[in-house]
Amino acid sequence: MSVEDTEFDFHLMRRGEAEGVIRCIRDEYGDRYPYRMIYDADKFYESSRKGEIISMVAVDGGNNTAAHVALASSALMPGTMELCMGIVCKRYRNRSLMNTISRKMLDHASENLDLTSVNSQPVTHHVYAQKVCAAQDYHCCGFVFNIANEGLFESLGKYHRGSIALVARMLRDERRIIYVPEEVTDLVNSIVLDMGLEREFAVSRGIFREGMSDISGEADDSLQFADTAVRRIGDDIEERLTSEYEGQVSRGRKVSRLLLNLCDPNAPAAYDIAKGLGYFCTGDVPRLLRHRLSDDGESHGPSYRV
């Protein structure tokens, strides 16, 4: 049977299939792929078995891996998973396999996972990745500019800096009241309208509540950046943000992303503090955090990126 006549079986990755995925990754990226865990077959499969990542493969009639894609979770953004680790083995390219396997993974997420959205981060110079996302109705809602990573961007030169787009596909949505800094209201409104969401824009009270802010971080040393999520904004926010930022810089991370909860009335004030630290707005992340109520009854809904 010729390559053109090959039929594929699409299914969640089974024990013993991780090695085939690793061979595809090594064939394309060598040892440079930023998700380092994927190079250890046992850890890779165990992470999939636990649901930390969800891997789907396409295999040919000889049970050889032809394509792979995964959904990866983040503790900072419950309610969403990142579509990532997409690879089509060279032998089977130009068969629309990435389109097909990505669509099947999205169907799996919609039918079996309690998610609000699926997000992805195609690099801005990777036209095919952008086409795959556009074909499945992902919408661009943010960017990360000027990431330094010689592995991910080696095709553009050893020390090239590249940028990443953030796209999202909403699986469900609920109306939310959000507090947006006036200078970026037009930007946020444009993204909300493009994604077909309903948001009510409100004016902040501008008074910090007493008590500790709820801040957590997550770092990726292979990509040299860190994510910081601010879910609750208290009167210690300036001290906490400054400490978090300086801590990342001291560890040599050149890029830091900050997510502010726009359901918190103090989000605009926290945004101004973040600007003083050198952050700037690169988009709006519509409700990546699953809606929940904290112990104080506050809504922890959408997030914001600077």
Protein backbone atom coordinates (compact mmCIF):
# COMPACT_ATOMS: atom_id res chain seq x y z
CA MET A 1 0.00 0.00 0.00
CA SER A 2 1.36 3.43 -0.92
CA VAL A 3 1.64 6.31 1.54
CA GLU A 4 -1.24 8.02 -0.26
CA ASP A 5 -3.53 5.01 0.35
CA THR A 6 -2.70 4.63 4.04
CA GLU A 7 -5.61 4.69 6.47
CA PHE A 8 -5.08 5.82 10.04
CA ASP A 9 -6.48 4.90 13.42
CA PHE A 10 -6.90 7.89 15.76
CA HIS A 11 -7.01 7.14 19.49
CA LEU A 12 -5.71 8.26 22.86
CA MET A 13 -2.12 7.18 23.33
CA ARG A 14 -1.73 3.65 24.68
CA ARG A 15 1.07 2.09 26.69
CA GLY A 16 4.01 1.42 24.38
CA GLU A 17 3.12 4.16 21.88
CA ALA A 18 5.09 6.92 23.61
CA GLU A 19 8.33 5.72 21.98
CA GLY A 20 6.82 6.25 18.53
CA VAL A 21 5.88 9.83 19.42
CA ILE A 22 9.40 10.48 20.69
CA ARG A 23 10.88 9.19 17.44
CA CYS A 24 8.75 11.69 15.49
CA ILE A 25 9.78 14.54 17.81
CA ARG A 26 13.48 13.66 17.57
CA ASP A 27 13.29 13.37 13.79
CA GLU A 28 11.94 16.92 13.55
CA TYR A 29 13.49 18.75 16.52
CA GLY A 30 16.41 16.62 17.66
CA ASP A 31 16.82 17.23 21.40
CA ARG A 32 15.59 20.84 21.27
CA TYR A 33 11.86 20.45 21.86
CA PRO A 34 10.90 22.65 24.84
CA TYR A 35 8.59 20.11 26.53
CA ARG A 36 11.50 18.10 27.99
CA MET A 37 9.26 15.49 29.58
CA ILE A 38 8.35 14.17 26.14
CA TYR A 39 11.82 12.62 25.75
CA ASP A 40 11.25 10.18 28.63
CA ALA A 41 8.77 7.55 27.44
CA ASP A 42 7.87 6.34 30.95
CA LYS A 43 7.29 9.85 32.34
CA PHE A 44 5.46 10.85 29.18
CA TYR A 45 3.03 7.95 29.36
CA GLU A 46 2.59 8.27 33.14
CA SER A 47 1.71 11.95 32.77
CA SER A 48 -0.85 10.98 30.14
CA ARG A 49 -2.26 8.20 32.33
CA LYS A 50 -2.74 10.67 35.21
CA GLY A 51 -4.50 13.18 32.94
CA GLU A 52 -1.84 15.89 33.35
CA ILE A 53 -1.60 15.76 29.59
CA ILE A 54 -3.95 14.03 27.18
CA SER A 55 -2.17 12.56 24.16
CA MET A 56 -3.78 11.43 20.91
CA VAL A 57 -1.98 9.57 18.15
CA ALA A 58 -2.67 8.60 14.57
CA VAL A 59 -1.14 5.22 13.68
CA ASP A 60 -0.87 3.49 10.32
CA GLY A 61 -1.71 -0.15 9.54
CA GLY A 62 1.63 -1.28 10.92
CA ASN A 63 0.99 0.51 14.25
CA ASN A 64 3.62 3.12 13.41
CA THR A 65 3.04 6.60 14.79
CA ALA A 66 2.06 9.00 12.01
CA ALA A 67 0.93 12.04 14.05
CA HIS A 68 0.49 13.23 17.62
CA VAL A 69 -1.14 16.09 19.48
CA ALA A 70 -1.72 16.70 23.19
CA LEU A 71 -3.72 18.79 25.61
CA ALA A 72 -1.64 20.02 28.56
CA SER A 73 -3.07 21.42 31.79
CA SER A 74 -1.81 24.36 33.83
CA ALA A 75 -2.41 24.85 37.54
CA LEU A 76 -2.65 28.61 36.90
CA MET A 77 -5.54 28.31 34.46
CA PRO A 78 -8.05 25.65 35.52
CA GLY A 79 -10.83 25.20 33.01
CA THR A 80 -8.60 25.33 29.95
CA MET A 81 -5.93 23.11 28.42
CA GLU A 82 -3.29 23.97 25.85
CA LEU A 83 -3.31 22.21 22.49
CA CYS A 84 0.38 21.44 21.96
CA MET A 85 3.06 18.87 21.05
CA GLY A 86 1.65 18.62 17.53
CA ILE A 87 3.81 16.66 15.12
CA VAL A 88 3.27 14.81 11.85
CA CYS A 89 5.99 12.35 10.86
CA LYS A 90 7.71 13.40 7.66
CA ARG A 91 6.56 10.36 5.71
CA TYR A 92 2.91 11.28 6.18
CA ARG A 93 2.92 15.01 5.60
CA ASN A 94 0.63 16.73 3.09
CA ARG A 95 -2.22 14.43 4.15
CA SER A 96 -3.99 17.01 6.39
CA LEU A 97 -3.22 14.80 9.38
CA MET A 98 -2.65 17.71 11.75
CA ASN A 99 -6.00 19.21 10.84
CA THR A 100 -7.73 15.87 11.39
CA ILE A 101 -6.06 14.90 14.66
CA SER A 102 -6.48 18.40 16.12
CA ARG A 103 -10.19 18.35 15.27
CA LYS A 104 -10.61 14.91 16.85
CA MET A 105 -8.83 16.13 19.99
CA LEU A 106 -11.14 19.15 20.17
CA ASP A 107 -14.14 16.82 19.83
CA HIS A 108 -12.75 14.70 22.66
CA ALA A 109 -12.33 17.77 24.87
CA SER A 110 -15.88 18.95 24.15
CA GLU A 111 -17.45 15.56 24.85
CA ASN A 112 -15.36 14.22 27.73
CA LEU A 113 -13.58 17.02 29.59
CA ASP A 114 -15.03 19.64 31.92
CA LEU A 115 -13.38 22.57 30.15
CA THR A 116 -14.40 26.12 29.39
CA SER A 117 -11.90 26.51 26.55
CA VAL A 118 -8.97 25.06 24.69
CA ASN A 119 -6.03 27.35 23.97
CA SER A 120 -2.95 27.12 21.78
CA GLN A 121 0.25 29.07 21.22
CA PRO A 122 1.36 28.89 17.59
CA VAL A 123 4.64 30.66 16.92
CA THR A 124 4.07 33.64 14.69
CA HIS A 125 6.39 32.45 11.90
CA HIS A 126 4.69 29.02 11.67
CA VAL A 127 2.05 29.60 9.00
CA TYR A 128 0.73 26.02 8.98
CA ALA A 129 0.05 26.06 12.73
CA GLN A 130 -1.89 29.29 12.27
CA LYS A 131 -3.91 27.73 9.44
CA VAL A 132 -4.81 24.70 11.58
CA CYS A 133 -6.05 26.95 14.41
CA ALA A 134 -7.98 29.22 12.04
CA ALA A 135 -9.67 26.24 10.37
CA GLN A 136 -11.04 25.13 13.75
CA ASP A 137 -12.35 28.54 14.80
CA TYR A 138 -9.68 29.45 17.34
CA HIS A 139 -9.51 33.22 17.80
CA CYS A 140 -6.39 35.25 18.51
CA CYS A 141 -6.60 37.00 21.88
CA GLY A 142 -3.01 37.78 22.85
CA PHE A 143 0.69 37.72 22.05
CA VAL A 144 3.99 37.08 23.79
CA PHE A 145 6.66 39.13 22.09
CA ASN A 146 10.38 38.58 21.67
CA ILE A 147 10.96 35.25 23.37
CA ALA A 148 14.61 34.16 23.31
CA ASN A 149 14.87 30.39 22.78
CA GLU A 150 17.43 28.98 20.39
CA GLY A 151 15.76 25.56 20.35
CA LEU A 152 12.26 26.64 19.41
CA PHE A 153 13.42 29.27 16.94
CA GLU A 154 16.62 27.68 15.62
CA SER A 155 15.22 27.60 12.08
CA LEU A 156 15.43 31.40 12.10
CA GLY A 157 18.98 31.62 13.43
CA LYS A 158 20.68 30.44 16.60
CA TYR A 159 20.03 33.58 18.63
CA HIS A 160 16.81 34.64 16.99
CA ARG A 161 14.03 35.95 19.18
CA GLY A 162 10.54 34.91 18.21
CA SER A 163 6.99 35.74 19.20
CA ILE A 164 4.03 33.55 20.12
CA ALA A 165 0.35 34.14 19.44
CA LEU A 166 -2.23 33.03 21.99
CA VAL A 167 -5.44 31.68 20.50
CA ALA A 168 -8.49 30.17 22.20
CA ARG A 169 -11.54 28.15 21.25
CA MET A 170 -14.40 28.63 23.72
CA LEU A 171 -16.34 25.49 24.58
CA ARG A 172 -18.87 27.25 26.82
CA ASP A 173 -19.36 30.70 28.22
CA GLU A 174 -21.29 32.66 30.84
CA ARG A 175 -21.85 36.40 30.98
CA ARG A 176 -19.42 38.23 33.27
CA ILE A 177 -18.89 41.73 34.62
CA ILE A 178 -15.31 42.84 34.00
CA TYR A 179 -13.24 45.83 35.12
CA VAL A 180 -10.89 46.97 32.35
CA PRO A 181 -8.33 49.82 32.36
CA GLU A 182 -9.69 52.62 30.20
CA GLU A 183 -6.65 52.76 27.90
CA VAL A 184 -7.18 49.17 26.68
CA THR A 185 -10.99 49.03 26.68
CA ASP A 186 -11.15 49.17 22.88
CA LEU A 187 -8.69 46.30 22.58
CA VAL A 188 -10.55 44.10 25.06
CA ASN A 189 -13.90 44.92 23.51
CA SER A 190 -12.63 44.02 20.05
CA ILE A 191 -11.44 40.59 21.25
CA VAL A 192 -14.68 39.93 23.14
CA LEU A 193 -16.75 40.77 20.06
CA ASP A 194 -14.52 38.70 17.75
CA MET A 195 -15.02 35.65 19.95
CA GLY A 196 -18.77 36.17 20.16
CA LEU A 197 -18.79 36.58 23.95
CA GLU A 198 -20.95 38.77 26.17
CA ARG A 199 -19.23 40.97 28.74
CA GLU A 200 -20.49 43.89 30.76
CA PHE A 201 -17.80 46.55 31.28
CA ALA A 202 -17.97 48.14 34.73
CA VAL A 203 -16.20 51.04 36.47
CA SER A 204 -13.82 50.06 39.24
CA ARG A 205 -14.44 51.18 42.82
CA GLY A 206 -10.70 51.82 43.05
CA ILE A 207 -10.41 50.76 46.70
CA PHE A 208 -8.17 47.84 47.63
CA ARG A 209 -9.78 45.35 49.98
CA GLU A 210 -7.96 44.35 53.13
CA GLY A 211 -6.07 41.09 53.19
CA MET A 212 -3.65 39.10 51.13
CA SER A 213 -3.68 38.92 47.37
CA ASP A 214 -4.01 35.46 45.80
CA ILE A 215 -0.98 35.11 43.54
CA SER A 216 0.69 32.02 42.13
CA GLY A 217 3.41 31.40 39.55
CA GLU A 218 4.54 28.80 37.05
CA ALA A 219 7.90 28.82 35.24
CA ASP A 220 9.19 27.29 32.02
CA ASP A 221 12.97 27.42 32.08
CA SER A 222 13.31 25.91 28.59
CA LEU A 223 11.44 28.90 27.12
CA GLN A 224 12.91 31.34 29.65
CA PHE A 225 9.61 32.76 30.83
CA ALA A 226 7.26 32.59 33.77
CA ASP A 227 3.52 33.00 34.18
CA THR A 228 2.06 34.80 37.19
CA ALA A 229 -1.68 34.63 37.89
CA VAL A 230 -3.40 37.15 40.18
CA ARG A 231 -6.83 35.87 41.15
CA ARG A 232 -7.56 38.08 44.15
CA ILE A 233 -6.22 41.63 44.56
CA GLY A 234 -5.64 42.79 48.12
CA ASP A 235 -3.98 45.82 49.70
CA ASP A 236 -0.58 44.09 49.48
CA ILE A 237 -0.69 43.83 45.68
CA GLU A 238 2.17 46.26 44.93
CA GLU A 239 4.54 44.51 47.32
CA ARG A 240 3.55 41.06 46.04
CA LEU A 241 3.83 41.93 42.35
CA THR A 242 7.21 43.59 42.88
CA SER A 243 8.52 40.58 44.79
CA GLU A 244 7.25 38.14 42.14
CA TYR A 245 8.76 40.17 39.29
CA GLU A 246 12.15 40.63 40.96
CA GLY A 247 12.24 36.93 41.80
CA GLN A 248 11.77 35.94 38.16
CA VAL A 249 14.43 38.40 37.00
CA SER A 250 16.90 37.07 39.59
CA ARG A 251 16.44 33.58 38.12
CA GLY A 252 17.40 34.82 34.67
CA ARG A 253 13.97 34.59 33.06
CA LYS A 254 13.80 37.16 30.29
CA VAL A 255 10.04 37.03 29.68
CA SER A 256 7.28 37.12 32.25
CA ARG A 257 3.54 37.01 31.63
CA LEU A 258 1.03 38.38 34.09
CA LEU A 259 -2.61 37.32 34.24
CA LEU A 260 -4.97 39.63 36.15
CA ASN A 261 -8.48 38.56 37.09
CA LEU A 262 -10.75 41.11 35.44
CA CYS A 263 -13.68 40.13 37.65
CA ASP A 264 -11.85 41.77 40.54
CA PRO A 265 -12.87 45.47 40.78
CA ASN A 266 -9.26 46.35 41.59
CA ALA A 267 -7.88 44.98 38.32
CA PRO A 268 -7.34 48.45 36.75
CA ALA A 269 -5.33 49.60 39.78
CA ALA A 270 -3.26 46.41 39.73
CA TYR A 271 -2.71 46.97 36.00
CA ASP A 272 -1.23 50.42 36.70
CA ILE A 273 1.11 48.90 39.29
CA ALA A 274 2.18 46.26 36.78
CA LYS A 275 2.90 48.94 34.19
CA GLY A 276 5.26 50.54 36.69
CA LEU A 277 7.21 47.27 36.74
CA GLY A 278 7.54 47.26 32.95
CA TYR A 279 4.61 45.06 31.94
CA PHE A 280 2.44 46.12 29.01
CA CYS A 281 -0.83 44.90 27.58
CA THR A 282 -0.61 42.25 24.85
CA GLY A 283 -4.19 41.03 24.81
CA ASP A 284 -7.21 39.69 26.62
CA VAL A 285 -7.70 36.05 27.64
CA PRO A 286 -11.49 35.60 27.74
CA ARG A 287 -12.47 33.51 30.73
CA LEU A 288 -9.76 30.89 30.73
CA LEU A 289 -10.28 30.39 34.45
CA ARG A 290 -13.20 28.18 35.30
CA HIS A 291 -15.87 30.13 37.14
CA ARG A 292 -15.84 29.40 40.85
CA LEU A 293 -16.52 31.15 44.13
CA SER A 294 -13.72 31.63 46.62
CA ASP A 295 -14.17 31.39 50.37
CA ASP A 296 -15.06 35.09 50.49
CA GLY A 297 -17.73 34.67 47.81
CA GLU A 298 -15.79 36.55 45.14
CA SER A 299 -16.10 35.51 41.51
CA HIS A 300 -12.85 34.37 39.89
CA GLY A 301 -13.68 34.53 36.20
CA PRO A 302 -11.74 35.89 33.22
CA SER A 303 -8.08 36.76 33.14
CA TYR A 304 -6.05 39.53 31.65
CA ARG A 305 -2.59 39.51 30.16
CA VAL A 306 0.03 42.24 30.34
